[in-house]
Amino acid sequence: MSPFPATDLVVGAALLCVVVVSMLLYSLLPNGHSRSECGTVGVGCARHAKASLMPLNACVLIPSILTYFGGGPQLFFGSREPSSGGFTSTFTFALAAFVSSVLLAFGLTLLLWTNVLFHKAEGTLGPWDPPRTFVVSGPYQYVRNPMLAGVIIILIGEGILLGQTAIIGFAVAFVAINTAYFARKEEPALKERFGADYESYFRAVPRWIPRVTPYRI
């Protein structure tokens, strides 16, 4: 007998189908590398739609799968409602609610802010369609990867909110995978593309832990 009810298997199959469809969209939607392509409305929308699949999968789809097969939401790791009694339960519930809300709001702000900066630089958040100019404003003055930092912060907030250690584990894996990718591929490519400007930026601005003062070119 299957360890999962039939409805669970159907929902799980549906979620996996969404993953497959999103991967197909990655390959089918145009990148719009040239400036003439990027200027057209249809291709411009497709570029941003394709790039948006990345944070959508990371922040919504994968956490949904982990939560579903992790037994469903356990609000704030199963902490009791404040009305159920006791100072400890009230404090734990309030603290978890506050922390998760702050993390989700801050992470979403970073993600949207950096996306706007990339759009102004004629690029998207997709590595196949980067900005045409070197972006070193806003949160990029403090940390080299604020966009992905926003995704990680959102995942940790979701893990606390939904009481799913699997989501927090996914956030840790997300950091490890992207750190390896940056070191082996993206950072060398940026050094080659932007030269001395990026070399100076690379030495002065941390990859994940923000610096105290803003970086100035």
Protein backbone atom coordinates (compact mmCIF):
# COMPACT_ATOMS: atom_id res chain seq x y z
CA MET A 1 0.00 0.00 0.00
CA SER A 2 1.24 3.47 -0.86
CA PRO A 3 2.43 5.55 2.15
CA PHE A 4 0.56 8.53 0.66
CA PRO A 5 -3.20 8.79 0.08
CA ALA A 6 -4.35 8.96 -3.54
CA THR A 7 -5.15 12.67 -3.22
CA ASP A 8 -1.59 13.35 -2.01
CA LEU A 9 -0.15 11.53 -5.00
CA VAL A 10 -2.39 13.50 -7.38
CA VAL A 11 -1.38 16.83 -5.85
CA GLY A 12 2.27 15.82 -5.84
CA ALA A 13 2.07 14.83 -9.50
CA ALA A 14 0.42 18.18 -10.31
CA LEU A 15 3.20 20.08 -8.56
CA LEU A 16 5.85 18.13 -10.43
CA CYS A 17 4.02 18.90 -13.69
CA VAL A 18 4.26 22.59 -12.85
CA VAL A 19 8.02 22.17 -12.42
CA VAL A 20 8.28 20.49 -15.84
CA VAL A 21 6.16 23.21 -17.48
CA SER A 22 8.30 25.96 -15.97
CA MET A 23 11.43 24.24 -17.30
CA LEU A 24 9.87 24.08 -20.77
CA LEU A 25 9.08 27.79 -20.57
CA TYR A 26 12.73 28.45 -19.74
CA SER A 27 13.72 26.86 -23.02
CA LEU A 28 10.88 28.23 -25.19
CA LEU A 29 10.63 31.89 -24.15
CA PRO A 30 13.08 34.20 -25.95
CA ASN A 31 16.06 35.75 -24.18
CA GLY A 32 16.16 38.98 -26.18
CA HIS A 33 19.91 39.49 -26.16
CA SER A 34 20.05 42.25 -28.75
CA ARG A 35 18.94 45.79 -28.00
CA SER A 36 16.51 45.76 -30.94
CA GLU A 37 14.86 42.61 -29.59
CA CYS A 38 14.74 43.99 -26.07
CA GLY A 39 12.93 47.08 -27.30
CA THR A 40 9.92 45.19 -28.63
CA VAL A 41 6.99 44.88 -26.25
CA GLY A 42 6.34 41.17 -26.82
CA VAL A 43 9.93 40.05 -26.41
CA GLY A 44 10.44 42.40 -23.46
CA CYS A 45 7.48 40.87 -21.63
CA ALA A 46 8.68 37.36 -22.47
CA ARG A 47 12.17 38.14 -21.17
CA HIS A 48 10.88 39.29 -17.81
CA ALA A 49 8.31 36.48 -17.62
CA LYS A 50 11.05 33.92 -18.22
CA ALA A 51 13.33 35.48 -15.62
CA SER A 52 10.48 35.68 -13.08
CA LEU A 53 10.13 31.91 -13.16
CA MET A 54 13.38 31.64 -11.17
CA PRO A 55 12.28 33.37 -7.94
CA LEU A 56 8.75 32.00 -8.41
CA ASN A 57 10.08 28.45 -8.36
CA ALA A 58 12.51 29.12 -5.51
CA CYS A 59 10.15 31.10 -3.25
CA VAL A 60 6.76 29.56 -4.04
CA LEU A 61 6.79 26.27 -5.89
CA ILE A 62 9.60 24.41 -4.12
CA PRO A 63 8.52 25.57 -0.61
CA SER A 64 4.97 24.48 -1.48
CA ILE A 65 6.18 20.99 -2.40
CA LEU A 66 8.33 20.75 0.74
CA THR A 67 5.44 21.94 2.92
CA TYR A 68 2.92 19.59 1.35
CA PHE A 69 5.05 16.50 1.74
CA GLY A 70 6.29 17.72 5.12
CA GLY A 71 2.85 17.25 6.64
CA GLY A 72 1.37 20.64 5.80
CA PRO A 73 1.85 24.01 7.50
CA GLN A 74 2.79 23.88 11.18
CA LEU A 75 2.27 27.55 11.99
CA PHE A 76 5.41 28.92 13.69
CA PHE A 77 6.66 25.35 14.33
CA GLY A 78 3.43 24.37 16.04
CA SER A 79 3.52 27.14 18.67
CA ARG A 80 0.17 27.56 20.34
CA GLU A 81 -2.19 30.45 19.75
CA PRO A 82 -1.73 33.23 22.31
CA SER A 83 -5.23 32.59 23.65
CA SER A 84 -4.42 28.98 24.52
CA GLY A 85 -2.70 30.05 27.68
CA GLY A 86 0.61 30.90 29.25
CA PHE A 87 3.16 33.65 28.89
CA THR A 88 5.60 31.32 27.12
CA SER A 89 3.17 30.36 24.35
CA THR A 90 2.15 33.98 23.84
CA PHE A 91 5.74 35.19 23.66
CA THR A 92 6.83 32.37 21.33
CA PHE A 93 3.91 32.95 18.99
CA ALA A 94 4.42 36.73 18.91
CA LEU A 95 8.18 36.43 18.40
CA ALA A 96 7.85 33.89 15.59
CA ALA A 97 5.14 35.98 13.91
CA PHE A 98 7.26 39.14 14.15
CA VAL A 99 10.47 37.52 12.89
CA SER A 100 8.82 35.77 9.94
CA SER A 101 6.91 38.93 8.93
CA VAL A 102 10.07 41.09 9.03
CA LEU A 103 12.07 38.53 7.05
CA LEU A 104 9.38 38.12 4.38
CA ALA A 105 8.89 41.88 3.99
CA PHE A 106 12.63 42.59 3.85
CA GLY A 107 13.38 39.73 1.44
CA LEU A 108 10.55 40.73 -0.91
CA THR A 109 11.72 44.36 -0.83
CA LEU A 110 15.25 43.32 -1.80
CA LEU A 111 13.97 41.10 -4.60
CA LEU A 112 11.72 43.79 -6.10
CA TRP A 113 14.27 46.59 -5.65
CA THR A 114 17.06 44.70 -7.40
CA ASN A 115 14.70 43.64 -10.19
CA VAL A 116 13.86 47.33 -10.82
CA LEU A 117 17.58 48.22 -10.91
CA PHE A 118 18.23 45.45 -13.45
CA HIS A 119 15.28 46.61 -15.56
CA LYS A 120 16.71 50.15 -15.65
CA ALA A 121 20.02 48.67 -16.80
CA GLU A 122 18.22 46.89 -19.69
CA GLY A 123 18.50 43.44 -18.18
CA THR A 124 16.60 40.86 -16.15
CA LEU A 125 17.42 38.74 -13.13
CA GLY A 126 18.08 35.77 -15.43
CA PRO A 127 21.81 34.94 -15.85
CA TRP A 128 21.19 34.42 -19.58
CA ASP A 129 19.96 38.05 -19.94
CA PRO A 130 22.04 40.22 -17.56
CA PRO A 131 22.05 44.03 -17.38
CA ARG A 132 23.93 45.83 -20.15
CA THR A 133 25.70 48.09 -17.65
CA PHE A 134 27.46 47.48 -14.33
CA VAL A 135 24.88 47.86 -11.54
CA VAL A 136 26.44 49.21 -8.33
CA SER A 137 23.63 51.25 -6.81
CA GLY A 138 21.07 50.62 -4.10
CA PRO A 139 21.73 47.42 -2.12
CA TYR A 140 24.58 46.51 -4.50
CA GLN A 141 26.63 49.15 -2.69
CA TYR A 142 26.64 46.90 0.38
CA VAL A 143 26.61 43.30 -0.86
CA ARG A 144 27.37 41.66 -4.22
CA ASN A 145 24.28 39.44 -4.40
CA PRO A 146 21.34 41.26 -2.79
CA MET A 147 18.83 39.70 -5.19
CA LEU A 148 19.61 36.15 -4.12
CA ALA A 149 20.04 37.32 -0.54
CA GLY A 150 16.41 38.44 -0.80
CA VAL A 151 15.37 34.97 -1.96
CA ILE A 152 17.26 33.35 0.92
CA ILE A 153 15.69 35.71 3.47
CA ILE A 154 12.23 34.94 2.05
CA LEU A 155 12.88 31.19 2.35
CA ILE A 156 13.96 31.49 5.99
CA GLY A 157 10.85 33.59 6.72
CA GLU A 158 8.67 30.98 5.03
CA GLY A 159 10.36 28.20 6.96
CA ILE A 160 9.56 29.94 10.26
CA LEU A 161 6.03 30.89 9.21
CA LEU A 162 5.13 27.41 7.97
CA GLY A 163 7.15 25.53 10.57
CA GLN A 164 9.11 23.63 7.92
CA THR A 165 12.76 22.89 8.64
CA ALA A 166 12.96 21.45 5.11
CA ILE A 167 12.50 24.96 3.67
CA ILE A 168 15.30 26.30 5.86
CA GLY A 169 17.44 23.37 4.74
CA PHE A 170 16.64 24.27 1.14
CA ALA A 171 17.77 27.84 1.88
CA VAL A 172 21.12 26.51 3.14
CA ALA A 173 21.51 24.35 0.03
CA PHE A 174 20.54 27.35 -2.11
CA VAL A 175 23.40 29.36 -0.58
CA ALA A 176 25.92 26.55 -1.11
CA ILE A 177 24.91 25.93 -4.74
CA ASN A 178 24.95 29.61 -5.69
CA THR A 179 28.25 30.23 -3.89
CA ALA A 180 29.86 27.52 -5.99
CA TYR A 181 28.23 28.90 -9.16
CA PHE A 182 29.41 32.44 -8.45
CA ALA A 183 32.99 31.36 -7.75
CA ARG A 184 33.29 29.09 -10.78
CA LYS A 185 31.30 30.91 -13.45
CA GLU A 186 29.54 34.23 -12.77
CA GLU A 187 32.29 36.17 -10.98
CA PRO A 188 35.04 35.28 -13.50
CA ALA A 189 32.67 36.27 -16.32
CA LEU A 190 31.94 39.63 -14.66
CA LYS A 191 35.64 40.30 -14.15
CA GLU A 192 36.24 39.65 -17.83
CA ARG A 193 33.26 41.74 -18.89
CA PHE A 194 33.68 44.83 -16.70
CA GLY A 195 37.42 44.69 -16.03
CA ALA A 196 38.99 46.91 -13.38
CA ASP A 197 35.65 48.32 -12.19
CA TYR A 198 34.43 44.89 -11.17
CA GLU A 199 37.83 43.86 -9.79
CA SER A 200 37.74 46.81 -7.40
CA TYR A 201 34.11 46.10 -6.51
CA PHE A 202 34.85 42.41 -5.98
CA ARG A 203 37.65 43.16 -3.50
CA ALA A 204 35.66 45.77 -1.56
CA VAL A 205 32.12 44.33 -1.37
CA PRO A 206 31.34 40.94 0.27
CA ARG A 207 29.42 38.22 -1.52
CA TRP A 208 26.77 37.61 1.19
CA ILE A 209 27.48 39.59 4.38
CA PRO A 210 26.84 43.30 3.75
CA ARG A 211 29.47 45.92 4.48
CA VAL A 212 28.65 48.80 6.83
CA THR A 213 29.36 51.74 4.52
CA PRO A 214 28.23 52.04 0.88
CA TYR A 215 30.74 51.28 -1.85
CA ARG A 216 31.62 54.13 -4.20
CA ILE A 217 33.23 53.72 -7.59
